[in-house]
Amino acid sequence: MVQIQKLGSALSVFGLGLLLNWSGYVVSMGADQPQSALVMMRLCTGLVPALLVLMALWLMKGWGRRLKPANER
């Protein structure tokens, strides 16, 4: 389980780096980033996590009906 969490964290940081790079983010510019990079940062901190939470809720909606308690197995 820990390896899956580490892999997920690593892939998400890698993906965020790719998205920021594609959006025009330049480290040396500091806070004066292009508008496209600022929009991507807002999307990655707001919209993307919200969509992932909604997707997780949709995937888990039927778990209560499918799983049996441990004492009934």
N, C-alpha and C. Protein backbone atom coordinates (compact mmCIF):
# COMPACT_ATOMS: atom_id res chain seq x y z
N MET A 1 0.82 -1.19 0.00
CA MET A 1 0.00 0.00 0.00
C MET A 1 0.86 1.25 0.00
N VAL A 2 1.95 1.24 0.77
CA VAL A 2 2.82 2.41 0.84
C VAL A 2 3.48 2.67 -0.51
N GLN A 3 3.85 1.61 -1.22
CA GLN A 3 4.47 1.79 -2.52
C GLN A 3 3.50 2.44 -3.51
N ILE A 4 2.24 2.07 -3.43
CA ILE A 4 1.24 2.66 -4.32
C ILE A 4 1.06 4.14 -4.01
N GLN A 5 1.07 4.49 -2.72
CA GLN A 5 0.96 5.90 -2.35
C GLN A 5 2.17 6.69 -2.82
N LYS A 6 3.36 6.13 -2.68
CA LYS A 6 4.57 6.81 -3.14
C LYS A 6 4.57 6.97 -4.65
N LEU A 7 4.14 5.93 -5.36
CA LEU A 7 4.07 6.01 -6.81
C LEU A 7 3.05 7.07 -7.25
N GLY A 8 1.91 7.09 -6.59
CA GLY A 8 0.90 8.09 -6.91
C GLY A 8 1.38 9.51 -6.66
N SER A 9 2.09 9.71 -5.56
CA SER A 9 2.65 11.03 -5.26
C SER A 9 3.68 11.43 -6.30
N ALA A 10 4.56 10.50 -6.64
CA ALA A 10 5.60 10.81 -7.63
C ALA A 10 4.99 11.13 -8.99
N LEU A 11 4.01 10.35 -9.41
CA LEU A 11 3.38 10.61 -10.71
C LEU A 11 2.62 11.93 -10.72
N SER A 12 2.00 12.27 -9.60
CA SER A 12 1.26 13.54 -9.57
C SER A 12 2.20 14.74 -9.61
N VAL A 13 3.33 14.66 -8.93
CA VAL A 13 4.31 15.75 -8.98
C VAL A 13 4.91 15.85 -10.37
N PHE A 14 5.20 14.72 -10.98
CA PHE A 14 5.72 14.71 -12.35
C PHE A 14 4.70 15.32 -13.31
N GLY A 15 3.44 14.93 -13.18
CA GLY A 15 2.38 15.47 -14.04
C GLY A 15 2.21 16.98 -13.85
N LEU A 16 2.26 17.43 -12.61
CA LEU A 16 2.16 18.86 -12.33
C LEU A 16 3.31 19.61 -12.98
N GLY A 17 4.51 19.06 -12.89
CA GLY A 17 5.67 19.69 -13.52
C GLY A 17 5.51 19.78 -15.03
N LEU A 18 5.00 18.72 -15.64
CA LEU A 18 4.75 18.75 -17.09
C LEU A 18 3.72 19.81 -17.45
N LEU A 19 2.63 19.86 -16.71
CA LEU A 19 1.58 20.84 -17.00
C LEU A 19 2.10 22.27 -16.86
N LEU A 20 2.87 22.53 -15.82
CA LEU A 20 3.42 23.87 -15.64
C LEU A 20 4.42 24.21 -16.74
N ASN A 21 5.21 23.24 -17.14
CA ASN A 21 6.16 23.46 -18.22
C ASN A 21 5.43 23.77 -19.52
N TRP A 22 4.40 23.02 -19.83
CA TRP A 22 3.62 23.25 -21.06
C TRP A 22 2.89 24.59 -21.04
N SER A 23 2.57 25.06 -19.84
CA SER A 23 1.82 26.32 -19.74
C SER A 23 2.73 27.55 -19.81
N GLY A 24 4.04 27.35 -19.82
CA GLY A 24 4.95 28.46 -19.96
C GLY A 24 5.56 28.94 -18.65
N TYR A 25 5.47 28.16 -17.60
CA TYR A 25 6.05 28.53 -16.31
C TYR A 25 7.57 28.61 -16.42
N VAL A 26 8.15 29.71 -15.90
CA VAL A 26 9.60 29.91 -15.93
C VAL A 26 10.04 30.20 -14.50
N VAL A 27 10.89 29.33 -13.96
CA VAL A 27 11.31 29.44 -12.56
C VAL A 27 11.99 30.77 -12.29
N SER A 28 12.84 31.22 -13.20
CA SER A 28 13.62 32.44 -12.96
C SER A 28 12.77 33.71 -12.93
N MET A 29 11.53 33.63 -13.37
CA MET A 29 10.67 34.82 -13.38
C MET A 29 10.04 35.09 -12.02
N GLY A 30 10.14 34.15 -11.10
CA GLY A 30 9.56 34.34 -9.77
C GLY A 30 8.05 34.49 -9.84
N ALA A 31 7.54 35.57 -9.24
CA ALA A 31 6.09 35.79 -9.18
C ALA A 31 5.53 36.39 -10.47
N ASP A 32 6.38 36.85 -11.37
CA ASP A 32 5.93 37.47 -12.63
C ASP A 32 5.81 36.43 -13.73
N GLN A 33 4.88 35.51 -13.57
CA GLN A 33 4.68 34.43 -14.53
C GLN A 33 3.71 34.85 -15.62
N PRO A 34 3.79 34.20 -16.80
CA PRO A 34 2.80 34.49 -17.85
C PRO A 34 1.39 34.10 -17.39
N GLN A 35 0.42 34.72 -18.01
CA GLN A 35 -0.98 34.46 -17.65
C GLN A 35 -1.34 32.98 -17.81
N SER A 36 -0.81 32.34 -18.83
CA SER A 36 -1.12 30.92 -19.05
C SER A 36 -0.63 30.05 -17.89
N ALA A 37 0.53 30.39 -17.34
CA ALA A 37 1.05 29.63 -16.20
C ALA A 37 0.19 29.87 -14.96
N LEU A 38 -0.26 31.10 -14.77
CA LEU A 38 -1.12 31.40 -13.61
C LEU A 38 -2.45 30.67 -13.71
N VAL A 39 -3.02 30.61 -14.91
CA VAL A 39 -4.28 29.88 -15.11
C VAL A 39 -4.08 28.40 -14.81
N MET A 40 -2.96 27.83 -15.28
CA MET A 40 -2.69 26.41 -15.04
C MET A 40 -2.52 26.14 -13.55
N MET A 41 -1.87 27.05 -12.82
CA MET A 41 -1.72 26.87 -11.38
C MET A 41 -3.09 26.87 -10.69
N ARG A 42 -3.95 27.77 -11.12
CA ARG A 42 -5.30 27.82 -10.52
C ARG A 42 -6.08 26.55 -10.83
N LEU A 43 -5.97 26.06 -12.06
CA LEU A 43 -6.66 24.82 -12.41
C LEU A 43 -6.13 23.64 -11.61
N CYS A 44 -4.82 23.58 -11.45
CA CYS A 44 -4.20 22.44 -10.75
C CYS A 44 -4.46 22.47 -9.25
N THR A 45 -4.75 23.63 -8.68
CA THR A 45 -5.03 23.69 -7.25
C THR A 45 -6.52 23.73 -6.94
N GLY A 46 -7.35 23.90 -7.93
CA GLY A 46 -8.78 23.99 -7.68
C GLY A 46 -9.60 22.97 -8.44
N LEU A 47 -9.59 23.07 -9.74
CA LEU A 47 -10.46 22.24 -10.58
C LEU A 47 -10.03 20.78 -10.60
N VAL A 48 -8.75 20.53 -10.78
CA VAL A 48 -8.27 19.14 -10.88
C VAL A 48 -8.56 18.35 -9.59
N PRO A 49 -8.23 18.87 -8.40
CA PRO A 49 -8.58 18.11 -7.19
C PRO A 49 -10.09 17.90 -7.02
N ALA A 50 -10.88 18.91 -7.39
CA ALA A 50 -12.33 18.75 -7.29
C ALA A 50 -12.82 17.63 -8.21
N LEU A 51 -12.30 17.57 -9.42
CA LEU A 51 -12.69 16.51 -10.35
C LEU A 51 -12.25 15.13 -9.85
N LEU A 52 -11.07 15.07 -9.26
CA LEU A 52 -10.60 13.79 -8.71
C LEU A 52 -11.46 13.32 -7.54
N VAL A 53 -11.89 14.25 -6.69
CA VAL A 53 -12.76 13.89 -5.57
C VAL A 53 -14.11 13.39 -6.10
N LEU A 54 -14.66 14.08 -7.08
CA LEU A 54 -15.93 13.63 -7.67
C LEU A 54 -15.79 12.26 -8.32
N MET A 55 -14.69 12.02 -9.00
CA MET A 55 -14.47 10.72 -9.61
C MET A 55 -14.35 9.63 -8.54
N ALA A 56 -13.65 9.92 -7.45
CA ALA A 56 -13.51 8.94 -6.37
C ALA A 56 -14.86 8.65 -5.72
N LEU A 57 -15.67 9.68 -5.52
CA LEU A 57 -17.01 9.47 -4.95
C LEU A 57 -17.86 8.61 -5.87
N TRP A 58 -17.77 8.85 -7.16
CA TRP A 58 -18.54 8.06 -8.13
C TRP A 58 -18.08 6.60 -8.10
N LEU A 59 -16.77 6.38 -8.00
CA LEU A 59 -16.26 5.01 -7.95
C LEU A 59 -16.66 4.29 -6.68
N MET A 60 -16.78 5.02 -5.58
CA MET A 60 -17.06 4.40 -4.28
C MET A 60 -18.55 4.33 -3.95
N LYS A 61 -19.41 4.83 -4.80
CA LYS A 61 -20.83 4.91 -4.44
C LYS A 61 -21.47 3.56 -4.18
N GLY A 62 -20.99 2.50 -4.79
CA GLY A 62 -21.60 1.20 -4.60
C GLY A 62 -20.86 0.29 -3.64
N TRP A 63 -19.80 0.78 -3.01
CA TRP A 63 -19.00 -0.08 -2.15
C TRP A 63 -19.78 -0.61 -0.95
N GLY A 64 -20.65 0.17 -0.38
CA GLY A 64 -21.38 -0.26 0.81
C GLY A 64 -22.29 -1.44 0.54
N ARG A 65 -22.78 -1.56 -0.66
CA ARG A 65 -23.69 -2.66 -0.99
C ARG A 65 -22.95 -3.92 -1.39
N ARG A 66 -21.74 -3.78 -1.90
CA ARG A 66 -21.00 -4.94 -2.38
C ARG A 66 -20.17 -5.61 -1.29
N LEU A 67 -19.69 -4.86 -0.36
CA LEU A 67 -18.80 -5.41 0.66
C LEU A 67 -19.60 -6.00 1.83
N LYS A 68 -19.15 -7.14 2.32
CA LYS A 68 -19.78 -7.76 3.48
C LYS A 68 -18.90 -7.48 4.69
N PRO A 69 -19.51 -7.33 5.86
CA PRO A 69 -18.70 -7.18 7.07
C PRO A 69 -17.82 -8.41 7.29
N ALA A 70 -16.70 -8.21 7.95
CA ALA A 70 -15.71 -9.30 8.14
C ALA A 70 -16.32 -10.48 8.90
N ASN A 71 -17.23 -10.24 9.81
CA ASN A 71 -17.79 -11.35 10.60
C ASN A 71 -18.83 -12.16 9.82
N GLU A 72 -19.21 -11.73 8.61
CA GLU A 72 -20.17 -12.48 7.80
C GLU A 72 -19.52 -13.24 6.65
N ARG A 73 -18.21 -13.21 6.55
CA ARG A 73 -17.53 -13.88 5.43
C ARG A 73 -17.37 -15.34 5.67
